Protein backbone atom coordinates (compact mmCIF):
# COMPACT_ATOMS: atom_id res chain seq x y z
CA MET A 1 59.10 113.26 116.84
CA LYS A 2 60.99 111.97 119.83
CA LEU A 3 64.69 112.71 119.97
CA ASN A 4 65.65 109.09 120.54
CA VAL A 5 64.22 108.02 117.16
CA LEU A 6 66.46 110.39 115.23
CA PRO A 7 69.42 108.62 113.59
CA ARG A 8 72.79 109.42 115.14
CA THR A 9 75.47 111.03 112.95
CA ASN A 10 78.14 108.74 111.52
CA VAL A 11 81.23 110.89 110.85
CA LYS A 12 82.50 108.57 108.13
CA LEU A 13 79.22 108.95 106.23
CA ALA A 14 79.48 112.73 106.65
CA LEU A 15 82.98 112.57 105.12
CA ASP A 16 81.71 110.40 102.27
CA LYS A 17 78.95 112.91 101.54
CA VAL A 18 81.37 115.84 101.41
CA ARG A 19 83.72 113.91 99.12
CA ALA A 20 80.88 112.84 96.81
CA ASN A 21 79.75 116.46 96.47
CA GLU A 22 83.24 117.53 95.42
CA LEU A 23 84.41 114.79 93.04
CA THR A 24 82.99 111.83 91.19
CA ASP A 25 84.62 108.46 91.86
CA LYS A 26 86.40 108.62 88.50
CA GLU A 27 87.73 112.14 89.12
CA GLN A 28 89.01 111.14 92.55
CA GLU A 29 90.72 108.02 91.21
CA ILE A 30 92.48 110.07 88.53
CA ALA A 31 93.57 112.65 91.11
CA LEU A 32 94.89 110.00 93.49
CA LYS A 33 96.84 108.17 90.78
CA SER A 34 98.40 111.46 89.72
CA LEU A 35 99.37 112.24 93.31
CA TYR A 36 100.74 108.77 93.88
CA GLN A 37 103.25 109.26 91.09
CA SER A 38 104.90 112.07 93.03
CA PHE A 39 107.95 111.48 95.23
CA GLU A 40 106.46 113.34 98.20
CA ILE A 41 103.59 110.96 98.64
CA ARG A 42 105.91 107.92 98.65
CA THR A 43 107.99 109.29 101.50
CA THR A 44 105.14 109.56 104.05
CA ASN A 45 103.84 106.01 104.47
CA ALA A 46 104.91 103.49 101.85
CA PHE A 47 101.47 102.18 100.96
CA LYS A 48 100.98 100.10 97.84
CA PHE A 49 98.47 102.11 95.87
CA ASP A 50 96.77 99.17 94.18
CA LEU A 51 96.00 97.58 97.57
CA LEU A 52 94.31 100.66 99.03
CA ASP A 53 90.55 100.96 99.37
CA HIS A 54 89.90 104.23 97.53
CA LYS A 55 86.69 104.73 99.50
CA LYS A 56 88.80 105.22 102.64
CA ILE A 57 90.97 108.01 101.22
CA TYR A 58 90.06 111.59 102.18
CA HIS A 59 91.63 114.96 101.48
CA LEU A 60 92.48 117.31 104.33
CA ASP A 61 89.96 119.87 103.02
CA GLN A 62 87.16 117.29 103.36
CA ILE A 63 88.25 116.42 106.89
CA LYS A 64 88.44 120.12 107.76
CA LYS A 65 84.94 120.83 106.44
CA VAL A 66 83.32 118.04 108.46
CA SER A 67 85.38 118.95 111.54
CA ILE A 68 84.14 122.54 111.40
CA ASN A 69 80.52 121.52 110.79
CA TYR A 70 80.44 119.17 113.78
CA ARG A 71 83.04 120.89 115.99
CA LEU A 72 85.54 118.04 115.82
CA ARG A 73 89.31 118.05 116.07
CA PHE A 74 91.92 116.42 113.84
CA LEU A 75 95.09 115.97 115.86
CA ASP A 76 98.08 113.67 116.25
CA LEU A 77 97.38 110.41 118.03
CA LYS A 78 99.60 111.40 120.98
CA TYR A 79 97.01 114.01 122.05
CA PHE A 80 94.22 111.44 122.22
CA LYS A 81 93.31 110.60 125.84
CA ASN A 82 91.59 107.31 125.12
CA LYS A 83 93.29 104.01 124.30
CA LEU A 84 93.01 102.57 120.83
CA PRO A 85 90.76 99.50 120.81
CA ASP A 86 92.26 96.11 119.99
CA ALA A 87 90.42 96.15 116.65
CA ALA A 88 92.28 99.35 115.66
CA HIS A 89 95.65 97.77 116.50
CA GLN A 90 94.66 94.73 114.47
CA ASP A 91 93.76 96.91 111.47
CA ILE A 92 97.12 98.67 111.72
CA GLN A 93 98.99 95.36 111.84
CA HIS A 94 96.94 94.05 108.92
CA LEU A 95 97.79 97.09 106.79
CA GLU A 96 101.47 96.94 107.74
CA ALA A 97 101.63 93.27 106.75
CA MET A 98 99.73 93.84 103.51
CA HIS A 99 101.85 96.82 102.45
CA GLU A 100 105.10 95.52 103.96
CA THR A 101 105.79 98.76 105.79
CA LYS A 102 105.73 100.37 109.23
CA LEU A 103 103.00 103.00 109.56
CA SER A 104 103.48 106.28 111.42
CA GLY A 105 102.07 109.79 111.73
CA PHE A 106 98.63 108.64 112.89
CA LYS A 107 95.85 111.21 113.27
CA ILE A 108 92.60 111.10 115.21
CA MET A 109 89.38 112.87 114.20
CA ALA A 110 87.04 113.16 117.17
CA PRO A 111 85.10 115.58 119.41
CA SER A 112 87.26 117.90 121.51
CA ALA A 113 86.33 116.13 124.75
CA LEU A 114 88.12 112.96 123.64
CA PHE A 115 91.42 114.84 123.66
CA ARG A 116 90.83 115.77 127.32
CA LEU A 117 88.74 112.95 128.78
CA GLU A 118 88.20 109.25 128.29
CA LYS A 119 85.00 108.93 126.29
CA ALA A 120 83.86 107.03 123.21
CA ASP A 121 82.13 109.36 120.76
CA ASP A 122 82.92 108.28 117.20
CA PRO A 123 86.74 108.59 116.90
CA LEU A 124 88.32 107.94 113.48
CA LEU A 125 91.96 106.82 113.07
CA PHE A 126 93.87 107.99 109.97
CA ALA A 127 97.35 107.50 108.52
CA PRO A 128 98.85 110.13 106.19
CA LEU A 129 99.38 109.30 102.54
CA GLY A 130 101.05 112.60 101.70
CA ASN A 131 99.96 115.67 99.72
CA ASP A 132 97.22 116.30 102.32
CA TYR A 133 95.55 112.93 101.77
CA TYR A 134 94.73 110.56 104.63
CA TYR A 135 93.73 106.91 104.78
CA LEU A 136 90.99 105.86 107.21
CA ILE A 137 92.22 102.88 109.22
CA HIS A 138 89.57 102.36 111.85
CA LYS A 139 86.36 103.85 113.27
CA TRP A 140 84.91 102.93 116.65
CA GLY A 141 82.79 104.20 119.51
CA ASN A 142 79.35 105.78 119.39
CA ASP A 143 78.00 107.87 116.52
CA LEU A 144 77.51 111.57 117.22
CA HIS A 145 74.35 113.10 118.66
CA PRO A 146 71.77 113.42 115.84
CA LEU A 147 71.48 117.17 116.40
CA ARG A 148 75.19 117.85 116.91
CA ARG A 149 75.61 119.79 113.65
CA ILE A 150 72.69 122.07 114.56
CA MET A 151 73.94 122.51 118.12
CA MET A 152 77.44 123.38 116.90
CA TRP A 153 76.19 125.83 114.21
CA PRO A 154 76.52 128.93 116.48
CA PHE A 155 80.21 128.12 117.02
CA LYS A 156 81.16 128.18 113.32
CA ASN A 157 81.70 131.96 113.33
CA ILE A 158 80.85 135.19 115.15
CA TRP A 159 77.88 135.95 112.87
CA ASN A 160 76.17 132.65 113.64
CA LEU A 161 76.67 133.26 117.35
CA LEU A 162 75.27 136.79 117.12
CA ALA A 163 72.27 135.48 115.16
CA LEU A 164 71.56 133.01 117.98
CA VAL A 165 71.93 135.74 120.62
CA LEU A 166 69.55 137.97 118.65
CA ALA A 167 66.98 135.16 118.37
CA ILE A 168 67.14 134.51 122.12
CA SER A 169 66.85 138.26 122.76
CA CYS A 170 63.73 138.47 120.58
CA ILE A 171 62.13 135.57 122.46
CA ALA A 172 63.03 137.13 125.82
CA THR A 173 61.59 140.48 124.72
CA GLU A 174 58.35 138.88 123.51
CA ILE A 175 57.66 137.10 126.80
CA MET A 176 58.53 140.07 129.03
CA PRO A 177 55.48 142.05 130.19
CA MET A 178 56.02 145.58 128.86
CA ASN A 179 53.91 147.22 131.55
CA LEU A 180 56.66 146.42 134.04
CA PHE A 181 58.81 149.06 132.36
CA THR A 182 56.29 151.64 131.18
CA LYS A 183 52.63 152.51 131.56
CA SER A 184 52.26 153.18 127.85
CA PRO A 185 54.23 150.56 125.89
CA ASP A 186 54.91 151.36 122.26
CA ALA A 187 57.33 150.38 119.47
CA THR A 188 60.12 152.51 120.94
CA THR A 189 59.84 150.72 124.26
CA TYR A 190 59.94 147.34 122.50
CA TRP A 191 63.12 148.15 120.56
CA MET A 192 64.83 149.59 123.61
CA LEU A 193 64.02 146.44 125.60
CA LEU A 194 65.22 144.27 122.72
CA PHE A 195 68.51 146.18 122.59
CA PHE A 196 68.91 145.85 126.36
CA ASN A 197 68.28 142.10 126.24
CA PHE A 198 70.63 141.63 123.31
CA LYS A 199 73.41 143.56 125.05
CA ALA A 200 72.91 141.65 128.31
CA ILE A 201 72.84 138.20 126.71
CA ALA A 202 75.76 138.98 124.38
CA SER A 203 77.82 140.18 127.34
CA ILE A 204 77.17 136.95 129.23
CA VAL A 205 78.01 134.80 126.20
CA LEU A 206 81.23 136.71 125.44
CA PHE A 207 82.30 136.67 129.09
CA TYR A 208 81.74 132.93 129.32
CA GLY A 209 83.56 132.36 126.03
CA PHE A 210 86.64 134.34 127.03
CA ALA A 211 86.66 133.03 130.61
CA SER A 212 86.54 129.41 129.52
CA GLY A 213 88.96 129.82 126.60
CA LYS A 214 86.40 128.89 123.94
CA ASN A 215 86.94 129.61 120.27
CA PHE A 216 85.13 129.12 116.96
CA ASN A 217 85.25 125.85 115.02
CA PRO A 218 87.65 127.01 112.27
CA ALA A 219 90.18 128.03 114.93
CA ILE A 220 90.16 124.79 116.92
CA TRP A 221 89.69 121.90 114.45
CA ASN A 222 93.45 121.28 114.20
CA ASN A 223 94.64 123.32 117.20
CA LYS A 224 96.30 121.23 119.92
CA TYR A 225 96.44 124.14 122.41
CA ASN A 226 92.94 125.65 122.49
CA LYS A 227 90.66 124.11 125.12
CA ALA A 228 87.61 124.44 122.82
């Protein structure tokens, strides 16, 4: 299968899938109505609950899970290097007019590069509702690379990264001609070469990671300082 026929990843659909796996529509509606009766939620952005599209409401835990899976960041709008499209401004104005309020506290969910460079890879604009709930205002740009979740899997934690290093080490060991190192290759020689390859590759990966200030997905998804 050619790579260009694979469907690209829509972050909103990924969020919807995570939410659907956690709560049924009825359970979510009950939870949101309960939250909306609290004082805290009314002091964030004064939305009118009955006018909200419940399908656009996401909890911070759902945003965090998708951000970690796809190595995305969820930061204040002021850290976003790109300009909001006119359609996003129009959606904000439409919501403000509908709810008779002035919105604030906007958040952007997007790949790390969009907080450093001007690109257009699937940013999502949110406004806080309170109690760790956020309302999706606008989505634009290109969907994510179809294999992004797989490519970002090694960066979820140290064990995933070590598993990748071990796999690469095994491949390197398999393709290396053993007779270059010994005239009588055996199992001991194989394991020694595997250990050497693993140590060498791991050292390079760790050096690059520390030198470039990289960190794992759970540490950077809402971190405004880490370069990721």
